[in-house]
Amino acid sequence: MTPTQTELQGFPPLIDAQTHTLILGSFPGVASLQTGQYYAHPQNQFWRLLSAMLNADLYLLTYQEKTVSLLNHGIGLWDIYASCYREGSLDSAIRLGQFNDFSALRHSFPKLQRIGFNGKVAAKIQSHFQQQGFQTLILPSSSPANASWSFEKKLSVWQQLLRFDAQFS
């Protein structure tokens, strides 16, 4: 952290009473922070992955339409960090990250059953959710920085998130 760096603030959760699955990222990237939209970088495969999973063309919808569609499918979004210091968008550059308060999730959203972690950094808090009885799944990051995984390979893991009979950790 440099003296001139300011603390970055994340987004509120995208979740409602019908949410059964919550996808947790680490922290919004630069493009997302600039637009105020989850997964706004055009090379991030998040919306493409969800489109394939839900058999819906989310990628071409407006952001508001995308989020409404996710909620209609019982899927919510949030990040593990509420705030941090970071230059650029890489998770490895996150400094002094402050976790979001997840303590009320179980009580406030009783239909919530499973948590998918979008990448290894987000999965750092997997045990916290397992101890609360949530089903968890570590997903390969949708980030363009995760170029070692093909889209098809990522999708095969991401699809497990919506299988109610899937074996979760």
C-alpha atoms as a PDB file:
ATOM      1  CA  MET A   1       0.000   0.000   0.000  1.00  0.00           C
ATOM      2  CA  THR A   2       1.313   3.414  -0.924  1.00  0.00           C
ATOM      3  CA  PRO A   3       0.512   6.561   1.071  1.00  0.00           C
ATOM      4  CA  THR A   4      -1.540   7.959  -1.827  1.00  0.00           C
ATOM      5  CA  GLN A   5      -3.633   4.821  -2.298  1.00  0.00           C
ATOM      6  CA  THR A   6      -7.243   5.061  -1.188  1.00  0.00           C
ATOM      7  CA  GLU A   7      -9.330   2.329   0.305  1.00  0.00           C
ATOM      8  CA  LEU A   8     -11.601   0.730  -2.284  1.00  0.00           C
ATOM      9  CA  GLN A   9     -15.186  -0.148  -1.373  1.00  0.00           C
ATOM     10  CA  GLY A  10     -16.941  -3.230  -2.727  1.00  0.00           C
ATOM     11  CA  PHE A  11     -20.556  -3.754  -3.716  1.00  0.00           C
ATOM     12  CA  PRO A  12     -23.592  -4.692  -1.647  1.00  0.00           C
ATOM     13  CA  PRO A  13     -24.807  -8.259  -2.052  1.00  0.00           C
ATOM     14  CA  LEU A  14     -27.128  -9.172  -4.889  1.00  0.00           C
ATOM     15  CA  ILE A  15     -29.435 -11.521  -3.012  1.00  0.00           C
ATOM     16  CA  ASP A  16     -33.109 -11.949  -2.190  1.00  0.00           C
ATOM     17  CA  ALA A  17     -35.432 -14.272  -0.287  1.00  0.00           C
ATOM     18  CA  GLN A  18     -35.459 -16.841  -3.141  1.00  0.00           C
ATOM     19  CA  THR A  19     -31.676 -17.149  -3.386  1.00  0.00           C
ATOM     20  CA  HIS A  20     -30.499 -20.733  -2.914  1.00  0.00           C
ATOM     21  CA  THR A  21     -26.992 -20.315  -4.348  1.00  0.00           C
ATOM     22  CA  LEU A  22     -24.537 -17.500  -3.639  1.00  0.00           C
ATOM     23  CA  ILE A  23     -21.469 -16.970  -5.787  1.00  0.00           C
ATOM     24  CA  LEU A  24     -18.697 -15.232  -3.892  1.00  0.00           C
ATOM     25  CA  GLY A  25     -15.845 -13.525  -5.678  1.00  0.00           C
ATOM     26  CA  SER A  26     -12.890 -11.863  -4.026  1.00  0.00           C
ATOM     27  CA  PHE A  27     -13.307  -8.149  -4.820  1.00  0.00           C
ATOM     28  CA  PRO A  28     -14.489  -6.204  -7.893  1.00  0.00           C
ATOM     29  CA  GLY A  29     -11.863  -5.450 -10.505  1.00  0.00           C
ATOM     30  CA  VAL A  30     -11.121  -2.005 -11.895  1.00  0.00           C
ATOM     31  CA  ALA A  31     -13.702  -2.265 -14.723  1.00  0.00           C
ATOM     32  CA  SER A  32     -16.368  -3.385 -12.262  1.00  0.00           C
ATOM     33  CA  LEU A  33     -15.584  -0.610  -9.792  1.00  0.00           C
ATOM     34  CA  GLN A  34     -15.697   1.974 -12.596  1.00  0.00           C
ATOM     35  CA  THR A  35     -19.108   0.814 -13.840  1.00  0.00           C
ATOM     36  CA  GLY A  36     -20.599  -0.249 -10.499  1.00  0.00           C
ATOM     37  CA  GLN A  37     -21.347  -3.688 -11.949  1.00  0.00           C
ATOM     38  CA  TYR A  38     -20.235  -7.164 -10.946  1.00  0.00           C
ATOM     39  CA  TYR A  39     -17.972  -8.840 -13.536  1.00  0.00           C
ATOM     40  CA  ALA A  40     -17.827  -5.893 -15.935  1.00  0.00           C
ATOM     41  CA  HIS A  41     -14.483  -6.679 -17.598  1.00  0.00           C
ATOM     42  CA  PRO A  42     -15.334  -7.781 -21.155  1.00  0.00           C
ATOM     43  CA  GLN A  43     -12.854 -10.677 -21.014  1.00  0.00           C
ATOM     44  CA  ASN A  44     -14.150 -12.054 -17.721  1.00  0.00           C
ATOM     45  CA  GLN A  45     -16.052 -15.233 -18.531  1.00  0.00           C
ATOM     46  CA  PHE A  46     -18.527 -14.950 -15.648  1.00  0.00           C
ATOM     47  CA  TRP A  47     -21.593 -13.931 -17.681  1.00  0.00           C
ATOM     48  CA  ARG A  48     -20.713 -16.371 -20.452  1.00  0.00           C
ATOM     49  CA  LEU A  49     -20.404 -19.221 -17.923  1.00  0.00           C
ATOM     50  CA  LEU A  50     -23.727 -18.366 -16.288  1.00  0.00           C
ATOM     51  CA  SER A  51     -25.377 -18.059 -19.707  1.00  0.00           C
ATOM     52  CA  ALA A  52     -24.279 -21.588 -20.586  1.00  0.00           C
ATOM     53  CA  MET A  53     -25.319 -22.943 -17.173  1.00  0.00           C
ATOM     54  CA  LEU A  54     -28.776 -21.363 -17.262  1.00  0.00           C
ATOM     55  CA  ASN A  55     -29.341 -21.789 -20.990  1.00  0.00           C
ATOM     56  CA  ALA A  56     -30.020 -18.058 -21.197  1.00  0.00           C
ATOM     57  CA  ASP A  57     -28.136 -15.415 -23.172  1.00  0.00           C
ATOM     58  CA  LEU A  58     -27.201 -13.193 -20.244  1.00  0.00           C
ATOM     59  CA  TYR A  59     -24.128 -11.805 -21.938  1.00  0.00           C
ATOM     60  CA  LEU A  60     -26.093  -9.510 -24.245  1.00  0.00           C
ATOM     61  CA  LEU A  61     -28.584  -8.265 -21.641  1.00  0.00           C
ATOM     62  CA  THR A  62     -28.301  -4.992 -19.787  1.00  0.00           C
ATOM     63  CA  TYR A  63     -26.711  -5.269 -16.367  1.00  0.00           C
ATOM     64  CA  GLN A  64     -30.077  -4.788 -14.664  1.00  0.00           C
ATOM     65  CA  GLU A  65     -31.603  -7.560 -16.797  1.00  0.00           C
ATOM     66  CA  LYS A  66     -28.672  -9.861 -15.970  1.00  0.00           C
ATOM     67  CA  THR A  67     -29.064  -9.369 -12.244  1.00  0.00           C
ATOM     68  CA  VAL A  68     -32.843  -9.841 -12.380  1.00  0.00           C
ATOM     69  CA  SER A  69     -32.338 -13.060 -14.338  1.00  0.00           C
ATOM     70  CA  LEU A  70     -29.816 -14.370 -11.811  1.00  0.00           C
ATOM     71  CA  LEU A  71     -32.142 -13.647  -8.914  1.00  0.00           C
ATOM     72  CA  ASN A  72     -35.025 -15.294 -10.802  1.00  0.00           C
ATOM     73  CA  HIS A  73     -32.832 -18.399 -11.047  1.00  0.00           C
ATOM     74  CA  GLY A  74     -32.120 -18.286  -7.298  1.00  0.00           C
ATOM     75  CA  ILE A  75     -28.520 -17.130  -7.716  1.00  0.00           C
ATOM     76  CA  GLY A  76     -26.972 -14.272  -5.777  1.00  0.00           C
ATOM     77  CA  LEU A  77     -23.612 -12.484  -5.956  1.00  0.00           C
ATOM     78  CA  TRP A  78     -21.262 -10.967  -3.449  1.00  0.00           C
ATOM     79  CA  ASP A  79     -17.560 -10.770  -2.628  1.00  0.00           C
ATOM     80  CA  ILE A  80     -15.575 -11.873   0.374  1.00  0.00           C
ATOM     81  CA  TYR A  81     -14.025  -8.447   0.850  1.00  0.00           C
ATOM     82  CA  ALA A  82     -16.051  -5.356   1.695  1.00  0.00           C
ATOM     83  CA  SER A  83     -13.018  -3.131   1.195  1.00  0.00           C
ATOM     84  CA  CYS A  84      -9.316  -3.329   0.463  1.00  0.00           C
ATOM     85  CA  TYR A  85      -6.352  -1.537  -0.999  1.00  0.00           C
ATOM     86  CA  ARG A  86      -5.263  -2.669  -4.447  1.00  0.00           C
ATOM     87  CA  GLU A  87      -3.572  -1.398  -7.573  1.00  0.00           C
ATOM     88  CA  GLY A  88      -5.029  -2.997 -10.678  1.00  0.00           C
ATOM     89  CA  SER A  89      -7.413  -5.934 -10.644  1.00  0.00           C
ATOM     90  CA  LEU A  90      -5.310  -8.930  -9.612  1.00  0.00           C
ATOM     91  CA  ASP A  91      -6.347 -10.752  -6.453  1.00  0.00           C
ATOM     92  CA  SER A  92      -2.680 -11.126  -5.562  1.00  0.00           C
ATOM     93  CA  ALA A  93      -2.486  -7.312  -5.226  1.00  0.00           C
ATOM     94  CA  ILE A  94      -5.223  -7.110  -2.555  1.00  0.00           C
ATOM     95  CA  ARG A  95      -3.891  -5.588   0.675  1.00  0.00           C
ATOM     96  CA  LEU A  96      -5.584  -5.061   4.033  1.00  0.00           C
ATOM     97  CA  GLY A  97      -8.802  -6.688   2.875  1.00  0.00           C
ATOM     98  CA  GLN A  98     -11.746  -6.357   5.263  1.00  0.00           C
ATOM     99  CA  PHE A  99     -14.210  -9.239   5.047  1.00  0.00           C
ATOM    100  CA  ASN A 100     -17.905  -8.675   4.479  1.00  0.00           C
ATOM    101  CA  ASP A 101     -20.153  -9.527   7.413  1.00  0.00           C
ATOM    102  CA  PHE A 102     -21.614 -12.923   6.590  1.00  0.00           C
ATOM    103  CA  SER A 103     -23.023 -13.569  10.073  1.00  0.00           C
ATOM    104  CA  ALA A 104     -26.679 -12.927   9.181  1.00  0.00           C
ATOM    105  CA  LEU A 105     -26.816 -14.877   5.904  1.00  0.00           C
ATOM    106  CA  ARG A 106     -28.318 -18.069   7.318  1.00  0.00           C
ATOM    107  CA  HIS A 107     -30.981 -16.192   9.301  1.00  0.00           C
ATOM    108  CA  SER A 108     -31.833 -13.569   6.665  1.00  0.00           C
ATOM    109  CA  PHE A 109     -31.898 -15.940   3.687  1.00  0.00           C
ATOM    110  CA  PRO A 110     -33.160 -19.333   4.886  1.00  0.00           C
ATOM    111  CA  LYS A 111     -33.353 -20.786   1.346  1.00  0.00           C
ATOM    112  CA  LEU A 112     -29.617 -20.233   0.863  1.00  0.00           C
ATOM    113  CA  GLN A 113     -28.008 -23.678   0.744  1.00  0.00           C
ATOM    114  CA  ARG A 114     -24.807 -23.460  -1.236  1.00  0.00           C
ATOM    115  CA  ILE A 115     -21.869 -21.176  -1.773  1.00  0.00           C
ATOM    116  CA  GLY A 116     -19.725 -21.185  -4.901  1.00  0.00           C
ATOM    117  CA  PHE A 117     -16.337 -19.515  -4.598  1.00  0.00           C
ATOM    118  CA  ASN A 118     -15.198 -17.841  -7.820  1.00  0.00           C
ATOM    119  CA  GLY A 119     -11.500 -18.626  -7.538  1.00  0.00           C
ATOM    120  CA  LYS A 120      -8.995 -19.623  -4.886  1.00  0.00           C
ATOM    121  CA  VAL A 121      -8.793 -16.253  -3.130  1.00  0.00           C
ATOM    122  CA  ALA A 122     -12.541 -16.236  -2.526  1.00  0.00           C
ATOM    123  CA  ALA A 123     -12.288 -19.838  -1.292  1.00  0.00           C
ATOM    124  CA  LYS A 124     -10.026 -18.755   1.579  1.00  0.00           C
ATOM    125  CA  ILE A 125     -13.131 -18.569   3.767  1.00  0.00           C
ATOM    126  CA  GLN A 126     -14.709 -21.830   2.627  1.00  0.00           C
ATOM    127  CA  SER A 127     -14.411 -23.463   6.062  1.00  0.00           C
ATOM    128  CA  HIS A 128     -16.419 -20.611   7.632  1.00  0.00           C
ATOM    129  CA  PHE A 129     -19.399 -21.514   5.444  1.00  0.00           C
ATOM    130  CA  GLN A 130     -18.954 -25.254   5.847  1.00  0.00           C
ATOM    131  CA  GLN A 131     -19.068 -24.845   9.627  1.00  0.00           C
ATOM    132  CA  GLN A 132     -22.434 -23.086   9.221  1.00  0.00           C
ATOM    133  CA  GLY A 133     -23.804 -26.025   7.245  1.00  0.00           C
ATOM    134  CA  PHE A 134     -23.612 -24.568   3.746  1.00  0.00           C
ATOM    135  CA  GLN A 135     -22.661 -26.757   0.801  1.00  0.00           C
ATOM    136  CA  THR A 136     -19.570 -25.278  -0.840  1.00  0.00           C
ATOM    137  CA  LEU A 137     -17.831 -25.590  -4.165  1.00  0.00           C
ATOM    138  CA  ILE A 138     -14.579 -23.980  -5.288  1.00  0.00           C
ATOM    139  CA  LEU A 139     -14.986 -22.812  -8.880  1.00  0.00           C
ATOM    140  CA  PRO A 140     -12.160 -22.078 -11.299  1.00  0.00           C
ATOM    141  CA  SER A 141     -11.889 -18.314 -11.541  1.00  0.00           C
ATOM    142  CA  SER A 142     -13.828 -16.677 -14.362  1.00  0.00           C
ATOM    143  CA  SER A 143     -11.118 -14.006 -14.527  1.00  0.00           C
ATOM    144  CA  PRO A 144      -9.130 -13.476 -17.722  1.00  0.00           C
ATOM    145  CA  ALA A 145      -6.048 -14.023 -15.523  1.00  0.00           C
ATOM    146  CA  ASN A 146      -7.079 -17.703 -15.273  1.00  0.00           C
ATOM    147  CA  ALA A 147      -6.156 -18.468 -18.880  1.00  0.00           C
ATOM    148  CA  SER A 148      -4.748 -21.924 -18.128  1.00  0.00           C
ATOM    149  CA  TRP A 149      -8.307 -23.336 -17.986  1.00  0.00           C
ATOM    150  CA  SER A 150     -10.354 -23.524 -21.182  1.00  0.00           C
ATOM    151  CA  PHE A 151     -13.916 -22.225 -21.122  1.00  0.00           C
ATOM    152  CA  GLU A 152     -15.226 -25.788 -21.503  1.00  0.00           C
ATOM    153  CA  LYS A 153     -13.147 -27.040 -18.561  1.00  0.00           C
ATOM    154  CA  LYS A 154     -14.345 -24.151 -16.382  1.00  0.00           C
ATOM    155  CA  LEU A 155     -17.947 -24.750 -17.422  1.00  0.00           C
ATOM    156  CA  SER A 156     -17.789 -28.433 -16.461  1.00  0.00           C
ATOM    157  CA  VAL A 157     -16.991 -27.405 -12.868  1.00  0.00           C
ATOM    158  CA  TRP A 158     -19.333 -24.410 -12.771  1.00  0.00           C
ATOM    159  CA  GLN A 159     -22.279 -26.562 -13.885  1.00  0.00           C
ATOM    160  CA  GLN A 160     -21.931 -28.582 -10.687  1.00  0.00           C
ATOM    161  CA  LEU A 161     -23.056 -25.515  -8.764  1.00  0.00           C
ATOM    162  CA  LEU A 162     -26.645 -25.867  -9.936  1.00  0.00           C
ATOM    163  CA  ARG A 163     -26.955 -29.627  -9.577  1.00  0.00           C
ATOM    164  CA  PHE A 164     -28.956 -30.175  -6.437  1.00  0.00           C
ATOM    165  CA  ASP A 165     -27.767 -33.763  -6.261  1.00  0.00           C
ATOM    166  CA  ALA A 166     -24.102 -32.830  -6.682  1.00  0.00           C
ATOM    167  CA  GLN A 167     -21.576 -33.816  -4.095  1.00  0.00           C
ATOM    168  CA  PHE A 168     -20.357 -30.650  -2.425  1.00  0.00           C
ATOM    169  CA  SER A 169     -17.689 -30.282   0.201  1.00  0.00           C
END
